[in-house]
C-alpha atoms as a PDB file:
ATOM      1  CA  MET A   1       1.852 -15.693  16.348  1.00  0.00           C
ATOM      2  CA  SER A   2      -1.919 -15.838  15.968  1.00  0.00           C
ATOM      3  CA  HIS A   3      -2.400 -16.055  19.726  1.00  0.00           C
ATOM      4  CA  ARG A   4      -0.245 -13.066  20.307  1.00  0.00           C
ATOM      5  CA  PHE A   5      -2.027 -11.084  17.579  1.00  0.00           C
ATOM      6  CA  ARG A   6      -5.464 -11.778  19.187  1.00  0.00           C
ATOM      7  CA  ARG A   7      -4.047 -10.869  22.530  1.00  0.00           C
ATOM      8  CA  THR A   8      -2.690  -7.545  21.232  1.00  0.00           C
ATOM      9  CA  VAL A   9      -5.964  -6.627  19.653  1.00  0.00           C
ATOM     10  CA  THR A  10      -7.894  -7.641  22.801  1.00  0.00           C
ATOM     11  CA  CYS A  11      -5.615  -5.618  25.120  1.00  0.00           C
ATOM     12  CA  PHE A  12      -5.823  -2.597  22.819  1.00  0.00           C
ATOM     13  CA  LEU A  13      -9.653  -2.739  22.640  1.00  0.00           C
ATOM     14  CA  LEU A  14      -9.844  -2.912  26.471  1.00  0.00           C
ATOM     15  CA  LEU A  15      -7.503   0.008  26.893  1.00  0.00           C
ATOM     16  CA  LEU A  16      -9.301   2.102  24.410  1.00  0.00           C
ATOM     17  CA  SER A  17     -12.664   1.373  25.829  1.00  0.00           C
ATOM     18  CA  PHE A  18     -11.511   2.649  29.241  1.00  0.00           C
ATOM     19  CA  SER A  19     -10.029   5.726  27.698  1.00  0.00           C
ATOM     20  CA  LEU A  20     -13.146   6.515  25.775  1.00  0.00           C
ATOM     21  CA  GLU A  21     -15.169   6.349  28.947  1.00  0.00           C
ATOM     22  CA  GLY A  22     -12.717   8.515  30.774  1.00  0.00           C
ATOM     23  CA  CYS A  23     -12.062   5.933  33.455  1.00  0.00           C
ATOM     24  CA  LEU A  24      -8.317   5.664  33.108  1.00  0.00           C
ATOM     25  CA  PHE A  25      -6.993   8.099  30.486  1.00  0.00           C
ATOM     26  CA  THR A  26      -7.787  11.565  29.427  1.00  0.00           C
ATOM     27  CA  ARG A  27      -9.016  12.683  26.004  1.00  0.00           C
ATOM     28  CA  GLN A  28      -5.484  14.114  25.402  1.00  0.00           C
ATOM     29  CA  TRP A  29      -4.101  10.624  25.822  1.00  0.00           C
ATOM     30  CA  ILE A  30      -6.084   9.490  22.882  1.00  0.00           C
ATOM     31  CA  GLY A  31      -4.668  12.088  20.626  1.00  0.00           C
ATOM     32  CA  ASP A  32      -1.040  11.923  21.767  1.00  0.00           C
ATOM     33  CA  SER A  33      -0.546   8.167  22.630  1.00  0.00           C
ATOM     34  CA  ALA A  34      -3.005   6.226  20.505  1.00  0.00           C
ATOM     35  CA  VAL A  35      -0.765   6.614  17.436  1.00  0.00           C
ATOM     36  CA  GLY A  36       1.982   4.663  19.184  1.00  0.00           C
ATOM     37  CA  LEU A  37      -0.393   1.809  20.016  1.00  0.00           C
ATOM     38  CA  PHE A  38      -1.677   1.721  16.525  1.00  0.00           C
ATOM     39  CA  LYS A  39       1.840   1.528  15.229  1.00  0.00           C
ATOM     40  CA  GLY A  40       2.474  -1.419  17.536  1.00  0.00           C
ATOM     41  CA  LEU A  41      -0.711  -3.094  16.336  1.00  0.00           C
ATOM     42  CA  ALA A  42       0.091  -2.419  12.713  1.00  0.00           C
ATOM     43  CA  GLN A  43       3.454  -4.172  13.250  1.00  0.00           C
ATOM     44  CA  SER A  44       1.760  -7.210  14.696  1.00  0.00           C
ATOM     45  CA  ILE A  45      -0.557  -7.263  11.565  1.00  0.00           C
ATOM     46  CA  GLY A  46       2.499  -7.042   9.296  1.00  0.00           C
ATOM     47  CA  ARG A  47       4.107  -9.993  10.983  1.00  0.00           C
ATOM     48  CA  GLU A  48       1.036 -12.231  10.703  1.00  0.00           C
ATOM     49  CA  GLN A  49       1.005 -15.126   8.282  1.00  0.00           C
ATOM     50  CA  ASP A  50      -2.729 -16.059   8.740  1.00  0.00           C
ATOM     51  CA  ILE A  51      -4.423 -14.030   6.105  1.00  0.00           C
ATOM     52  CA  LEU A  52      -7.929 -15.197   7.306  1.00  0.00           C
ATOM     53  CA  LEU A  53      -7.082 -14.004  10.879  1.00  0.00           C
ATOM     54  CA  VAL A  54      -6.061 -10.625   9.522  1.00  0.00           C
ATOM     55  CA  ARG A  55      -9.257 -10.411   7.459  1.00  0.00           C
ATOM     56  CA  GLN A  56     -11.382 -11.186  10.432  1.00  0.00           C
ATOM     57  CA  SER A  57      -9.589  -8.959  12.883  1.00  0.00           C
ATOM     58  CA  LEU A  58      -9.026  -5.776  10.861  1.00  0.00           C
ATOM     59  CA  PRO A  59     -12.707  -4.454  10.806  1.00  0.00           C
ATOM     60  CA  ALA A  60     -12.597  -3.721  14.554  1.00  0.00           C
ATOM     61  CA  TYR A  61      -9.261  -1.968  14.081  1.00  0.00           C
ATOM     62  CA  LEU A  62     -10.672   0.106  11.132  1.00  0.00           C
ATOM     63  CA  LEU A  63     -13.707   1.144  13.244  1.00  0.00           C
ATOM     64  CA  LEU A  64     -11.494   2.341  16.062  1.00  0.00           C
ATOM     65  CA  LEU A  65      -9.339   4.362  13.663  1.00  0.00           C
ATOM     66  CA  ASP A  66     -12.490   5.896  12.211  1.00  0.00           C
ATOM     67  CA  SER A  67     -13.632   6.844  15.707  1.00  0.00           C
ATOM     68  CA  LEU A  68     -10.337   8.394  16.633  1.00  0.00           C
ATOM     69  CA  ILE A  69     -10.107  10.363  13.358  1.00  0.00           C
ATOM     70  CA  ALA A  70     -13.601  11.681  13.984  1.00  0.00           C
ATOM     71  CA  SER A  71     -12.388  13.249  17.233  1.00  0.00           C
ATOM     72  CA  HIS A  72      -8.942  14.179  15.867  1.00  0.00           C
ATOM     73  CA  PRO A  73      -9.540  14.922  12.065  1.00  0.00           C
ATOM     74  CA  ASN A  74      -6.212  16.856  11.810  1.00  0.00           C
ATOM     75  CA  ASN A  75      -3.929  14.164  13.097  1.00  0.00           C
ATOM     76  CA  GLN A  76      -1.794  13.311  10.068  1.00  0.00           C
ATOM     77  CA  GLU A  77      -0.352  10.051  11.536  1.00  0.00           C
ATOM     78  CA  LEU A  78      -3.804   8.704  12.319  1.00  0.00           C
ATOM     79  CA  LEU A  79      -4.976   9.534   8.830  1.00  0.00           C
ATOM     80  CA  LEU A  80      -2.012   7.723   7.295  1.00  0.00           C
ATOM     81  CA  ALA A  81      -2.467   4.787   9.563  1.00  0.00           C
ATOM     82  CA  ALA A  82      -6.113   4.556   8.471  1.00  0.00           C
ATOM     83  CA  ALA A  83      -5.193   4.797   4.827  1.00  0.00           C
ATOM     84  CA  GLN A  84      -2.730   1.988   5.137  1.00  0.00           C
ATOM     85  CA  ALA A  85      -4.963  -0.120   7.243  1.00  0.00           C
ATOM     86  CA  TYR A  86      -7.891   0.192   4.778  1.00  0.00           C
ATOM     87  CA  GLY A  87      -5.488  -0.561   1.910  1.00  0.00           C
ATOM     88  CA  ALA A  88      -4.141  -3.681   3.728  1.00  0.00           C
ATOM     89  CA  TYR A  89      -7.722  -4.928   4.415  1.00  0.00           C
ATOM     90  CA  ALA A  90      -8.709  -4.461   0.749  1.00  0.00           C
ATOM     91  CA  SER A  91      -5.582  -6.479  -0.283  1.00  0.00           C
ATOM     92  CA  SER A  92      -6.513  -9.318   2.097  1.00  0.00           C
ATOM     93  CA  LEU A  93      -9.930  -9.860   0.413  1.00  0.00           C
ATOM     94  CA  GLU A  94     -10.734 -12.567  -2.074  1.00  0.00           C
ATOM     95  CA  GLU A  95     -10.338 -11.535  -5.674  1.00  0.00           C
ATOM     96  CA  GLU A  96     -14.045 -11.829  -6.420  1.00  0.00           C
ATOM     97  CA  GLU A  97     -14.842  -9.167  -3.747  1.00  0.00           C
ATOM     98  CA  THR A  98     -14.025  -6.316  -6.111  1.00  0.00           C
ATOM     99  CA  GLU A  99     -16.902  -3.994  -5.171  1.00  0.00           C
ATOM    100  CA  ARG A 100     -16.062  -4.201  -1.513  1.00  0.00           C
ATOM    101  CA  ALA A 101     -12.338  -3.772  -2.126  1.00  0.00           C
ATOM    102  CA  ALA A 102     -13.150  -0.653  -4.271  1.00  0.00           C
ATOM    103  CA  LEU A 103     -15.117   0.833  -1.488  1.00  0.00           C
ATOM    104  CA  LEU A 104     -12.308   0.220   1.000  1.00  0.00           C
ATOM    105  CA  LEU A 105      -9.676   1.705  -1.301  1.00  0.00           C
ATOM    106  CA  LYS A 106     -11.883   4.740  -1.797  1.00  0.00           C
ATOM    107  CA  ARG A 107     -11.821   5.286   2.024  1.00  0.00           C
ATOM    108  CA  ALA A 108      -8.167   4.652   2.068  1.00  0.00           C
ATOM    109  CA  LYS A 109      -7.609   7.214  -0.703  1.00  0.00           C
ATOM    110  CA  ASP A 110      -9.738   9.850   1.043  1.00  0.00           C
ATOM    111  CA  TYR A 111      -7.797   9.468   4.309  1.00  0.00           C
ATOM    112  CA  ALA A 112      -4.492   9.654   2.455  1.00  0.00           C
ATOM    113  CA  LEU A 113      -5.515  12.851   0.659  1.00  0.00           C
ATOM    114  CA  LYS A 114      -6.672  14.466   3.912  1.00  0.00           C
ATOM    115  CA  ALA A 115      -3.256  13.601   5.421  1.00  0.00           C
ATOM    116  CA  LEU A 116      -1.451  15.122   2.346  1.00  0.00           C
ATOM    117  CA  GLU A 117      -3.560  18.319   2.572  1.00  0.00           C
ATOM    118  CA  LEU A 118      -2.470  18.869   6.170  1.00  0.00           C
ATOM    119  CA  ASN A 119       0.942  19.739   4.733  1.00  0.00           C
ATOM    120  CA  PRO A 120       1.062  23.518   3.921  1.00  0.00           C
ATOM    121  CA  LEU A 121       2.608  22.713   0.554  1.00  0.00           C
ATOM    122  CA  PHE A 122      -0.467  20.677  -0.436  1.00  0.00           C
ATOM    123  CA  GLN A 123      -3.446  22.524   1.053  1.00  0.00           C
ATOM    124  CA  GLY A 124      -6.390  22.027  -1.368  1.00  0.00           C
ATOM    125  CA  ALA A 125      -4.482  19.375  -3.269  1.00  0.00           C
ATOM    126  CA  SER A 126      -7.561  17.347  -4.187  1.00  0.00           C
ATOM    127  CA  THR A 127      -8.966  20.236  -6.286  1.00  0.00           C
ATOM    128  CA  MET A 128      -5.661  21.842  -7.286  1.00  0.00           C
ATOM    129  CA  ALA A 129      -4.931  22.138 -11.040  1.00  0.00           C
ATOM    130  CA  ILE A 130      -2.526  19.506 -12.189  1.00  0.00           C
ATOM    131  CA  PRO A 131       0.270  21.804 -13.251  1.00  0.00           C
ATOM    132  CA  LEU A 132       0.199  23.558  -9.871  1.00  0.00           C
ATOM    133  CA  PHE A 133       0.040  20.244  -8.080  1.00  0.00           C
ATOM    134  CA  GLN A 134       3.089  19.002  -9.979  1.00  0.00           C
ATOM    135  CA  GLU A 135       4.953  22.238  -9.188  1.00  0.00           C
ATOM    136  CA  ARG A 136       4.221  21.726  -5.458  1.00  0.00           C
ATOM    137  CA  VAL A 137       5.471  18.128  -5.701  1.00  0.00           C
ATOM    138  CA  GLN A 138       8.731  19.314  -7.124  1.00  0.00           C
ATOM    139  CA  ALA A 139       9.188  21.653  -4.233  1.00  0.00           C
ATOM    140  CA  ALA A 140       8.953  18.657  -1.831  1.00  0.00           C
ATOM    141  CA  ASP A 141      12.196  17.653  -0.078  1.00  0.00           C
ATOM    142  CA  LYS A 142      13.383  14.267   1.272  1.00  0.00           C
ATOM    143  CA  THR A 143      11.510  14.767   4.551  1.00  0.00           C
ATOM    144  CA  LEU A 144       8.245  14.327   2.608  1.00  0.00           C
ATOM    145  CA  VAL A 145       9.242  11.020   0.923  1.00  0.00           C
ATOM    146  CA  PRO A 146       7.209   8.792   3.315  1.00  0.00           C
ATOM    147  CA  LEU A 147       4.093  11.046   2.972  1.00  0.00           C
ATOM    148  CA  LEU A 148       4.353  11.253  -0.882  1.00  0.00           C
ATOM    149  CA  PHE A 149       4.975   7.530  -1.251  1.00  0.00           C
ATOM    150  CA  ASN A 150       2.146   6.420   0.949  1.00  0.00           C
ATOM    151  CA  VAL A 151      -0.357   8.776  -0.568  1.00  0.00           C
ATOM    152  CA  ALA A 152       0.668   7.938  -4.094  1.00  0.00           C
ATOM    153  CA  ASN A 153       0.637   4.249  -3.365  1.00  0.00           C
ATOM    154  CA  THR A 154      -2.822   4.411  -1.788  1.00  0.00           C
ATOM    155  CA  TRP A 155      -4.211   6.599  -4.633  1.00  0.00           C
ATOM    156  CA  ALA A 156      -2.706   4.322  -7.366  1.00  0.00           C
ATOM    157  CA  SER A 157      -4.334   1.294  -5.672  1.00  0.00           C
ATOM    158  CA  TRP A 158      -7.704   2.960  -5.801  1.00  0.00           C
ATOM    159  CA  ILE A 159      -7.211   3.862  -9.500  1.00  0.00           C
ATOM    160  CA  ALA A 160      -6.115   0.322 -10.311  1.00  0.00           C
ATOM    161  CA  GLN A 161      -9.139  -1.200  -8.665  1.00  0.00           C
ATOM    162  CA  GLY A 162     -11.385   0.674 -11.116  1.00  0.00           C
ATOM    163  CA  SER A 163     -12.102   3.732  -9.057  1.00  0.00           C
ATOM    164  CA  ASP A 164     -14.687   6.013 -10.801  1.00  0.00           C
ATOM    165  CA  GLY A 165     -13.539   5.271 -14.307  1.00  0.00           C
ATOM    166  CA  PRO A 166     -12.399   8.405 -16.187  1.00  0.00           C
ATOM    167  CA  GLU A 167     -12.270  10.517 -12.965  1.00  0.00           C
ATOM    168  CA  GLY A 168      -9.814   8.105 -11.388  1.00  0.00           C
ATOM    169  CA  MET A 169      -7.615   8.002 -14.529  1.00  0.00           C
ATOM    170  CA  ALA A 170      -7.584  11.700 -14.620  1.00  0.00           C
ATOM    171  CA  ASP A 171      -5.868  11.659 -11.223  1.00  0.00           C
ATOM    172  CA  LEU A 172      -3.007   9.481 -12.551  1.00  0.00           C
ATOM    173  CA  PRO A 173      -0.689  12.414 -13.450  1.00  0.00           C
ATOM    174  CA  ARG A 174      -0.829  13.500  -9.890  1.00  0.00           C
ATOM    175  CA  VAL A 175       0.122  10.037  -8.638  1.00  0.00           C
ATOM    176  CA  GLU A 176       2.917   9.755 -11.225  1.00  0.00           C
ATOM    177  CA  SER A 177       4.378  13.112 -10.214  1.00  0.00           C
ATOM    178  CA  MET A 178       4.533  12.060  -6.566  1.00  0.00           C
ATOM    179  CA  MET A 179       6.174   8.717  -7.323  1.00  0.00           C
ATOM    180  CA  GLN A 180       8.615  10.412  -9.730  1.00  0.00           C
ATOM    181  CA  ARG A 181       9.648  12.823  -7.004  1.00  0.00           C
ATOM    182  CA  VAL A 182      10.092   9.929  -4.589  1.00  0.00           C
ATOM    183  CA  LEU A 183      12.265   8.231  -7.190  1.00  0.00           C
ATOM    184  CA  GLU A 184      14.447  11.345  -7.505  1.00  0.00           C
ATOM    185  CA  LEU A 185      14.717  11.796  -3.775  1.00  0.00           C
ATOM    186  CA  ASP A 186      15.110   8.242  -2.468  1.00  0.00           C
ATOM    187  CA  PRO A 187      15.007   5.549  -5.156  1.00  0.00           C
ATOM    188  CA  GLY A 188      15.440   2.689  -2.684  1.00  0.00           C
ATOM    189  CA  TYR A 189      12.570   3.784  -0.430  1.00  0.00           C
ATOM    190  CA  PHE A 190      10.440   0.850   0.769  1.00  0.00           C
ATOM    191  CA  TYR A 191      12.598  -1.816  -0.997  1.00  0.00           C
ATOM    192  CA  GLY A 192      12.736   0.121  -4.256  1.00  0.00           C
ATOM    193  CA  GLY A 193       8.990   0.932  -4.291  1.00  0.00           C
ATOM    194  CA  PRO A 194       9.369   3.946  -6.668  1.00  0.00           C
ATOM    195  CA  HIS A 195      11.185   1.770  -9.170  1.00  0.00           C
ATOM    196  CA  LEU A 196       8.556  -0.944  -8.898  1.00  0.00           C
ATOM    197  CA  PHE A 197       5.733   1.643  -9.560  1.00  0.00           C
ATOM    198  CA  GLN A 198       7.453   2.862 -12.691  1.00  0.00           C
ATOM    199  CA  ALA A 199       8.179  -0.696 -13.855  1.00  0.00           C
ATOM    200  CA  VAL A 200       4.501  -1.852 -13.575  1.00  0.00           C
ATOM    201  CA  LEU A 201       3.291   1.324 -15.222  1.00  0.00           C
ATOM    202  CA  LEU A 202       5.691   0.988 -18.168  1.00  0.00           C
ATOM    203  CA  SER A 203       4.738  -2.593 -18.538  1.00  0.00           C
ATOM    204  CA  LEU A 204       1.036  -2.030 -18.600  1.00  0.00           C
ATOM    205  CA  ARG A 205       0.798   1.044 -20.881  1.00  0.00           C
ATOM    206  CA  PRO A 206       0.582   0.566 -24.629  1.00  0.00           C
ATOM    207  CA  PRO A 207       3.670   1.973 -26.498  1.00  0.00           C
ATOM    208  CA  GLN A 208       1.539   4.814 -27.938  1.00  0.00           C
ATOM    209  CA  TYR A 209       0.826   6.010 -24.359  1.00  0.00           C
ATOM    210  CA  GLY A 210       4.322   5.801 -23.095  1.00  0.00           C
ATOM    211  CA  GLY A 211       4.605   2.052 -22.400  1.00  0.00           C
ATOM    212  CA  ASP A 212       8.176   0.696 -22.860  1.00  0.00           C
ATOM    213  CA  LEU A 213       9.190  -2.807 -21.943  1.00  0.00           C
ATOM    214  CA  LYS A 214      12.888  -1.962 -22.174  1.00  0.00           C
ATOM    215  CA  LYS A 215      12.573   0.813 -19.568  1.00  0.00           C
ATOM    216  CA  ALA A 216      10.263  -1.426 -17.481  1.00  0.00           C
ATOM    217  CA  GLU A 217      13.002  -4.070 -17.369  1.00  0.00           C
ATOM    218  CA  TYR A 218      15.431  -1.516 -16.129  1.00  0.00           C
ATOM    219  CA  HIS A 219      13.135  -0.330 -13.294  1.00  0.00           C
ATOM    220  CA  PHE A 220      12.302  -3.869 -12.352  1.00  0.00           C
ATOM    221  CA  GLN A 221      15.977  -4.798 -12.130  1.00  0.00           C
ATOM    222  CA  GLN A 222      16.522  -1.806  -9.847  1.00  0.00           C
ATOM    223  CA  ALA A 223      13.510  -2.794  -7.747  1.00  0.00           C
ATOM    224  CA  LEU A 224      14.666  -6.375  -7.493  1.00  0.00           C
ATOM    225  CA  LYS A 225      18.122  -5.184  -6.380  1.00  0.00           C
ATOM    226  CA  TYR A 226      16.588  -3.174  -3.493  1.00  0.00           C
ATOM    227  CA  ALA A 227      13.984  -5.773  -2.584  1.00  0.00           C
ATOM    228  CA  GLN A 228      16.412  -8.729  -2.698  1.00  0.00           C
ATOM    229  CA  ASP A 229      14.397 -11.623  -1.264  1.00  0.00           C
ATOM    230  CA  LYS A 230      12.816  -9.565   1.480  1.00  0.00           C
ATOM    231  CA  PHE A 231       9.881  -8.102  -0.364  1.00  0.00           C
ATOM    232  CA  LEU A 232       8.543 -10.845  -2.553  1.00  0.00           C
ATOM    233  CA  MET A 233       5.792  -8.936  -4.351  1.00  0.00           C
ATOM    234  CA  THR A 234       8.507  -7.411  -6.548  1.00  0.00           C
ATOM    235  CA  GLN A 235       9.233 -10.792  -8.050  1.00  0.00           C
ATOM    236  CA  VAL A 236       5.496 -11.545  -8.484  1.00  0.00           C
ATOM    237  CA  TYR A 237       4.901  -8.334 -10.342  1.00  0.00           C
ATOM    238  CA  TYR A 238       8.024  -8.994 -12.448  1.00  0.00           C
ATOM    239  CA  ALA A 239       6.390 -12.199 -13.602  1.00  0.00           C
ATOM    240  CA  GLN A 240       2.812 -10.939 -13.821  1.00  0.00           C
ATOM    241  CA  TYR A 241       3.567  -7.721 -15.657  1.00  0.00           C
ATOM    242  CA  TYR A 242       6.928  -7.976 -17.398  1.00  0.00           C
ATOM    243  CA  ALA A 243       7.277 -11.641 -18.221  1.00  0.00           C
ATOM    244  CA  ARG A 244       3.629 -11.932 -19.309  1.00  0.00           C
ATOM    245  CA  GLN A 245       3.897  -8.870 -21.604  1.00  0.00           C
ATOM    246  CA  ARG A 246       7.079 -10.372 -23.118  1.00  0.00           C
ATOM    247  CA  LEU A 247       5.224 -13.641 -23.543  1.00  0.00           C
ATOM    248  CA  ASP A 248       8.173 -15.204 -21.808  1.00  0.00           C
ATOM    249  CA  ARG A 249       6.621 -18.338 -20.260  1.00  0.00           C
ATOM    250  CA  ASP A 250       9.888 -19.696 -18.766  1.00  0.00           C
ATOM    251  CA  LEU A 251      10.663 -16.422 -17.009  1.00  0.00           C
ATOM    252  CA  PHE A 252       7.086 -16.242 -15.737  1.00  0.00           C
ATOM    253  CA  VAL A 253       7.028 -19.825 -14.324  1.00  0.00           C
ATOM    254  CA  ASN A 254      10.585 -19.804 -12.975  1.00  0.00           C
ATOM    255  CA  THR A 255      10.160 -16.530 -11.189  1.00  0.00           C
ATOM    256  CA  LEU A 256       6.963 -17.549  -9.547  1.00  0.00           C
ATOM    257  CA  ASN A 257       8.227 -20.961  -8.588  1.00  0.00           C
ATOM    258  CA  ARG A 258      11.201 -19.262  -6.975  1.00  0.00           C
ATOM    259  CA  VAL A 259       8.843 -17.101  -4.877  1.00  0.00           C
ATOM    260  CA  LEU A 260       7.164 -20.215  -3.548  1.00  0.00           C
ATOM    261  CA  THR A 261      10.545 -21.568  -2.325  1.00  0.00           C
ATOM    262  CA  LEU A 262      11.335 -18.435  -0.345  1.00  0.00           C
ATOM    263  CA  PRO A 263      10.344 -17.856   3.316  1.00  0.00           C
ATOM    264  CA  ALA A 264       7.695 -15.191   3.972  1.00  0.00           C
ATOM    265  CA  ASP A 265       9.335 -13.929   7.171  1.00  0.00           C
ATOM    266  CA  THR A 266      12.882 -13.056   6.123  1.00  0.00           C
ATOM    267  CA  GLU A 267      11.951  -9.516   7.018  1.00  0.00           C
ATOM    268  CA  PRO A 268       9.480 -10.072   9.915  1.00  0.00           C
ATOM    269  CA  ASP A 269       7.508  -6.814   9.372  1.00  0.00           C
ATOM    270  CA  LEU A 270       6.790  -7.885   5.707  1.00  0.00           C
ATOM    271  CA  THR A 271       5.365 -11.408   6.608  1.00  0.00           C
ATOM    272  CA  LEU A 272       1.862 -10.500   5.719  1.00  0.00           C
ATOM    273  CA  PHE A 273       2.873  -8.821   2.448  1.00  0.00           C
ATOM    274  CA  ASN A 274       4.991 -11.812   1.536  1.00  0.00           C
ATOM    275  CA  THR A 275       2.291 -14.338   2.504  1.00  0.00           C
ATOM    276  CA  LEU A 276      -0.085 -12.475   0.065  1.00  0.00           C
ATOM    277  CA  ALA A 277       2.683 -12.446  -2.533  1.00  0.00           C
ATOM    278  CA  LYS A 278       3.156 -16.271  -2.221  1.00  0.00           C
ATOM    279  CA  ALA A 279      -0.615 -16.841  -2.484  1.00  0.00           C
ATOM    280  CA  LYS A 280      -0.717 -14.589  -5.620  1.00  0.00           C
ATOM    281  CA  ALA A 281       2.301 -16.470  -7.086  1.00  0.00           C
ATOM    282  CA  LYS A 282       0.485 -19.799  -6.557  1.00  0.00           C
ATOM    283  CA  LYS A 283      -2.688 -18.501  -8.235  1.00  0.00           C
ATOM    284  CA  LEU A 284      -0.812 -17.052 -11.250  1.00  0.00           C
ATOM    285  CA  LEU A 285       1.019 -20.339 -11.779  1.00  0.00           C
ATOM    286  CA  SER A 286      -2.379 -22.175 -11.784  1.00  0.00           C
ATOM    287  CA  GLN A 287      -3.384 -19.770 -14.687  1.00  0.00           C
ATOM    288  CA  THR A 288      -0.191 -20.404 -16.771  1.00  0.00           C
ATOM    289  CA  GLU A 289      -2.101 -22.240 -19.527  1.00  0.00           C
ATOM    290  CA  GLU A 290      -4.646 -19.443 -19.848  1.00  0.00           C
ATOM    291  CA  LEU A 291      -2.108 -16.632 -19.823  1.00  0.00           C
ATOM    292  CA  PHE A 292       0.164 -18.230 -22.442  1.00  0.00           C
END
């Protein structure tokens, strides 16, 4: 898999270098066809188990995306691809690289917002008053679920990383409104991702700010039902946020140990996500004595 991944990146770089020089392809080719190549490359990344390889290979991919977006700033698919790629790269970094991760997630969030604002419903969304933003979100239909989910997920990751303090937290109602709409329109989207978002939020918030472990348990169970054993991060978050808040050491340990027994590639396109989940599970288990 590693060899194939390197070969895919190399071939893509060669193709793009020719196209940029105008030797083989026209400028129109970049706008119309590069998205397809990036989707194929993104799939290769998602199927990779070698986190270090991804960490080393992604910077070139990100620079290419930046270059294409500079020439095609209104290509929504490229913007979303860049947002997801920057988010994936931030996730692959070591935990101590927090400042770098924050910068990457800021870039991811900015690209995601630009993609959102290309939709007529959300023009000027970044400066729109929250009540109006929430009204626009409620007007979104099921065709906008992928856009809303990806933007909300990227935005939430930036906030969770620390973002810009109060400014980032002030954006949380926007993120929540998007995820709530996705939950209403398609609760099983991305292996129950909307339920997982609600579950983590309800677990982390103090009761006086809307936190509710009983409701969190409900959303976790729904997310686990959709994820099954295909998307392992759901089980890791169940241990990290719910079991830890409940001070249920047995649930914490048993859930994480189970993650370690499961294959990362049950769903091939989620291999990287699941490899990261297993690494996180192992690290959390090593901290059991400190956490309990």
